[in-house]
Protein backbone atom coordinates (compact mmCIF):
# COMPACT_ATOMS: atom_id res chain seq x y z
CA MET A 1 -148.54 -33.59 257.36
CA ASN A 2 -146.73 -36.96 258.15
CA TRP A 3 -145.36 -39.50 255.74
CA ILE A 4 -148.59 -41.38 255.90
CA ASP A 5 -150.39 -38.53 254.28
CA TYR A 6 -147.76 -38.35 251.52
CA LEU A 7 -148.37 -41.99 250.95
CA GLY A 8 -152.05 -41.35 250.51
CA TYR A 9 -151.36 -38.44 248.08
CA ALA A 10 -148.94 -40.59 246.16
CA ALA A 11 -151.56 -43.36 245.89
CA SER A 12 -154.21 -40.89 244.70
CA ALA A 13 -151.75 -39.38 242.21
CA SER A 14 -151.21 -42.97 240.64
CA VAL A 15 -154.79 -43.36 240.10
CA LEU A 16 -155.02 -39.99 238.31
CA LEU A 17 -151.99 -41.17 236.25
CA THR A 18 -153.84 -44.23 235.07
CA PHE A 19 -156.61 -42.11 233.51
CA CYS A 20 -153.80 -40.36 231.50
CA MET A 21 -152.68 -43.60 229.76
CA SER A 22 -153.68 -44.19 226.19
CA THR A 23 -152.42 -47.79 225.78
CA MET A 24 -153.10 -50.81 227.95
CA VAL A 25 -149.53 -51.94 229.04
CA PRO A 26 -148.58 -48.70 230.77
CA LEU A 27 -152.13 -48.43 232.22
CA ARG A 28 -151.96 -51.85 233.91
CA ALA A 29 -148.40 -51.19 235.09
CA THR A 30 -149.42 -47.92 236.68
CA ALA A 31 -152.45 -49.66 238.07
CA LEU A 32 -150.21 -52.24 239.76
CA ALA A 33 -148.11 -49.33 241.34
CA SER A 34 -151.34 -47.75 242.44
CA ASN A 35 -152.52 -51.08 244.06
CA VAL A 36 -149.19 -51.28 245.86
CA LEU A 37 -149.49 -47.72 247.13
CA PHE A 38 -153.15 -47.98 248.19
CA ALA A 39 -152.54 -51.31 250.06
CA SER A 40 -149.61 -49.83 252.01
CA PHE A 41 -151.61 -46.77 252.83
CA GLY A 42 -154.66 -48.77 253.89
CA ALA A 43 -152.44 -50.96 256.19
CA VAL A 44 -150.39 -48.31 257.93
CA ALA A 45 -153.43 -45.89 258.19
CA HIS A 46 -155.69 -48.91 259.36
CA ILE A 47 -158.28 -48.34 256.65
CA TYR A 48 -158.74 -51.95 255.88
CA PRO A 49 -161.55 -51.83 253.21
CA VAL A 50 -158.98 -49.95 251.05
CA PHE A 51 -156.35 -52.45 252.03
CA ILE A 52 -158.35 -55.45 251.04
CA LEU A 53 -159.58 -53.97 247.86
CA HIS A 54 -156.26 -53.31 246.52
CA VAL A 55 -154.76 -56.61 247.78
CA ILE A 56 -157.56 -58.24 245.60
CA LEU A 57 -156.96 -55.94 242.69
CA PHE A 58 -153.26 -56.62 242.55
CA PRO A 59 -153.44 -60.17 241.10
CA VAL A 60 -156.20 -59.18 238.90
CA ASN A 61 -154.08 -56.31 237.26
CA THR A 62 -151.06 -58.67 237.20
CA TRP A 63 -152.95 -61.38 235.27
CA ARG A 64 -154.39 -58.74 232.82
CA LEU A 65 -150.89 -57.33 232.20
CA LEU A 66 -149.50 -60.79 231.63
CA GLN A 67 -152.34 -61.49 229.11
CA ILE A 68 -151.66 -58.31 227.03
CA LEU A 69 -147.81 -58.88 227.11
CA ARG A 70 -148.50 -62.47 225.82
CA LEU A 71 -150.79 -61.25 222.94
CA VAL A 72 -148.19 -58.60 222.03
CA ARG A 73 -145.56 -61.18 221.92
CA GLU A 74 -147.74 -63.63 219.80
CA ALA A 75 -148.60 -60.76 217.33
CA GLY A 76 -144.92 -60.00 216.82
CA LEU A 77 -143.87 -63.60 216.04
CA ALA A 78 -143.27 -64.46 212.38
CA GLU A 79 -146.27 -66.79 212.02
CA PRO A 80 -149.30 -66.77 209.87
CA ALA A 81 -151.42 -63.78 210.53
CA HIS A 82 -154.40 -65.90 211.71
CA ARG A 83 -152.37 -67.43 214.52
CA PRO A 84 -152.86 -64.51 217.11
CA ILE A 85 -156.60 -64.51 216.43
CA ARG A 86 -156.84 -67.90 218.26
CA SER A 87 -155.67 -66.07 221.46
CA PHE A 88 -159.09 -64.09 221.19
CA PHE A 89 -161.19 -67.20 221.33
CA PRO A 90 -162.52 -66.17 224.77
CA PHE A 91 -164.10 -63.08 223.08
CA MET A 92 -165.63 -65.23 220.39
CA LYS A 93 -168.60 -67.56 220.10
CA SER A 94 -168.39 -71.03 218.70
CA ARG A 95 -170.90 -72.06 216.14
CA ILE A 96 -171.54 -75.46 214.32
CA LEU A 97 -172.64 -75.36 210.76
CA LYS A 98 -173.85 -78.08 208.48
CA ALA A 99 -172.84 -78.75 204.90
CA GLY A 100 -174.83 -76.50 202.59
CA ASP A 101 -175.40 -73.76 205.27
CA VAL A 102 -174.62 -70.25 204.11
CA LEU A 103 -172.23 -68.40 206.41
CA ILE A 104 -172.13 -65.07 204.56
CA LYS A 105 -174.58 -63.99 201.77
CA LYS A 106 -173.76 -61.48 199.16
CA ASP A 107 -175.24 -58.00 199.86
CA ASP A 108 -175.92 -58.78 203.41
CA ARG A 109 -174.71 -56.28 205.99
CA ALA A 110 -171.26 -57.26 207.74
CA THR A 111 -172.05 -57.95 211.33
CA HIS A 112 -169.53 -60.62 212.17
CA MET A 113 -165.96 -61.90 211.23
CA TYR A 114 -165.23 -65.57 211.59
CA TYR A 115 -162.32 -68.06 212.17
CA LEU A 116 -162.74 -71.51 210.54
CA GLU A 117 -161.57 -74.15 213.00
CA ASN A 118 -162.81 -77.27 211.14
CA GLY A 119 -164.29 -78.15 207.77
CA THR A 120 -164.25 -76.70 204.39
CA MET A 121 -166.05 -73.59 202.86
CA ARG A 122 -166.40 -72.31 199.41
CA ILE A 123 -166.85 -68.93 197.72
CA PRO A 124 -169.16 -69.68 194.70
CA GLU A 125 -168.39 -66.38 192.81
CA ILE A 126 -164.76 -67.26 192.37
CA GLY A 127 -164.68 -71.02 193.13
CA LYS A 128 -162.21 -70.59 195.97
CA LEU A 129 -162.02 -73.07 198.79
CA ILE A 130 -161.65 -72.03 202.42
CA GLU A 131 -159.58 -74.36 204.66
CA PRO A 132 -159.27 -74.64 208.53
CA GLY A 133 -157.33 -71.81 209.93
CA ALA A 134 -158.70 -69.12 207.69
CA VAL A 135 -160.21 -65.91 208.91
CA VAL A 136 -163.12 -64.46 206.77
CA GLY A 137 -165.36 -61.46 206.79
CA GLU A 138 -162.71 -59.29 208.61
CA ILE A 139 -162.54 -56.48 205.90
CA GLY A 140 -166.23 -56.22 205.52
CA ILE A 141 -166.77 -55.02 209.25
CA PHE A 142 -164.23 -52.47 208.85
CA ALA A 143 -165.44 -51.34 205.35
CA PRO A 144 -167.40 -47.93 205.33
CA ASP A 145 -170.50 -49.66 203.79
CA GLN A 146 -170.02 -52.80 205.97
CA LYS A 147 -171.77 -54.75 202.82
CA ARG A 148 -170.89 -58.23 201.90
CA THR A 149 -169.89 -58.69 198.29
CA MET A 150 -169.47 -62.46 198.12
CA THR A 151 -171.23 -65.54 199.32
CA ILE A 152 -169.51 -68.12 201.54
CA VAL A 153 -171.13 -71.76 201.67
CA CYS A 154 -170.08 -74.64 203.94
CA VAL A 155 -168.93 -77.56 201.73
CA THR A 156 -168.66 -79.86 204.66
CA ASP A 157 -169.85 -79.62 208.36
CA CYS A 158 -167.97 -76.72 209.84
CA ASP A 159 -166.92 -75.53 213.32
CA VAL A 160 -166.37 -71.79 213.24
CA TYR A 161 -165.81 -69.03 215.92
CA GLU A 162 -167.43 -65.71 215.34
CA ILE A 163 -166.85 -62.27 216.82
CA SER A 164 -169.41 -59.29 216.40
CA ALA A 165 -168.33 -56.21 214.45
CA ALA A 166 -168.86 -54.09 217.56
CA LYS A 167 -166.59 -56.28 219.65
CA ALA A 168 -164.02 -56.63 216.93
CA LYS A 169 -163.65 -52.84 216.56
CA GLN A 170 -163.49 -52.54 220.26
CA LEU A 171 -160.72 -54.88 220.34
CA TYR A 172 -158.92 -53.17 217.48
CA VAL A 173 -158.91 -49.84 219.39
CA GLU A 174 -157.96 -51.28 222.84
CA ASN A 175 -155.60 -54.27 221.99
CA SER A 176 -152.63 -53.52 219.68
CA ALA A 177 -152.10 -57.34 219.30
CA PHE A 178 -155.51 -57.85 217.84
CA GLY A 179 -155.02 -54.67 215.71
CA ILE A 180 -151.70 -55.98 214.24
CA ALA A 181 -153.34 -59.35 213.44
CA ILE A 182 -156.14 -57.66 211.52
CA LEU A 183 -153.61 -55.54 209.56
CA GLN A 184 -151.61 -58.57 208.65
CA LEU A 185 -154.88 -60.27 207.45
CA VAL A 186 -155.90 -57.38 205.31
CA ILE A 187 -152.47 -57.00 203.87
CA ALA A 188 -152.34 -60.68 202.94
CA ARG A 189 -155.80 -60.40 201.39
CA LEU A 190 -154.55 -57.54 199.19
CA VAL A 191 -151.57 -59.34 198.17
CA GLU A 192 -153.72 -62.45 197.29
CA ASP A 193 -156.06 -60.17 195.29
CA LEU A 194 -153.10 -58.62 193.33
CA THR A 195 -151.82 -61.89 192.47
CA LEU A 196 -155.30 -62.89 191.05
CA LEU A 197 -155.53 -59.62 189.18
CA ARG A 198 -152.18 -60.23 187.53
CA GLY A 199 -153.23 -63.69 186.48
CA ALA A 200 -156.60 -62.78 185.29
CA ARG A 201 -157.03 -63.16 181.52
CA PRO A 202 -159.03 -60.47 179.49
CA GLU A 203 -161.70 -63.02 178.52
CA ASP A 204 -162.38 -63.66 182.21
CA THR A 205 -163.41 -60.17 183.04
CA ASP A 206 -166.76 -60.22 181.00
CA GLY A 207 -166.11 -56.73 179.70
CA GLN A 208 -165.25 -55.37 183.09
CA GLU A 209 -162.16 -53.59 184.02
CA PRO A 210 -159.90 -55.83 186.10
CA SER A 211 -160.21 -53.47 189.04
CA ASP A 212 -164.03 -54.06 189.00
CA GLN A 213 -163.54 -57.78 189.13
CA PHE A 214 -160.88 -58.09 191.82
CA GLY A 215 -161.06 -54.78 193.41
CA CYS A 216 -161.73 -53.48 196.88
CA GLY A 217 -165.27 -54.73 196.91
CA ASP A 218 -164.25 -58.23 196.51
CA LEU A 219 -161.88 -58.08 199.48
CA HIS A 220 -164.57 -57.72 201.91
CA ASP A 221 -165.49 -61.37 202.56
CA HIS A 222 -162.88 -63.63 201.11
């Protein structure tokens, strides 16, 4: 067995190693090493289809690795939690809504989460206004029952970006930057609701316990 054979075995081993990776950054880095090894093997062994394939795959894997590193860096910056979500616009669908349109209806199933790019929305149940830059519906799609507990109505014409629950869950599992951004949003929502809870007056609860008025159910969609 000569050195060319060893090069082929090393290239094959690098492919096997990629299947053992559980996170995307090491996977892409190993895939790049695999591309170098296979391209070298294909060139010296005169197996040109293998050589051409991995020459093409190398810039693809390089670009994907740079994308992941950028998202991780953005998620780690001390910025508002919604900021990294903008990096995922390529995975989201743009929608234009008119004033008076209902984006989310109470008791509906949570099928999407949304980013408000332009316009103003309102949550009638608590009289809260939602301004551009807000992310809504993120907790509902991760809740066990995936049920909306509040309504969101457009006060003005609005531009929103939406992502399906299935795609959001996929990104949460596959992309740590997206997962961190979601955690930041959920924690911010919890802190906001705790502030509301502390400021709630007894006469505002209508006989309910404070936890019923501002509890976990109300976190789903505002």
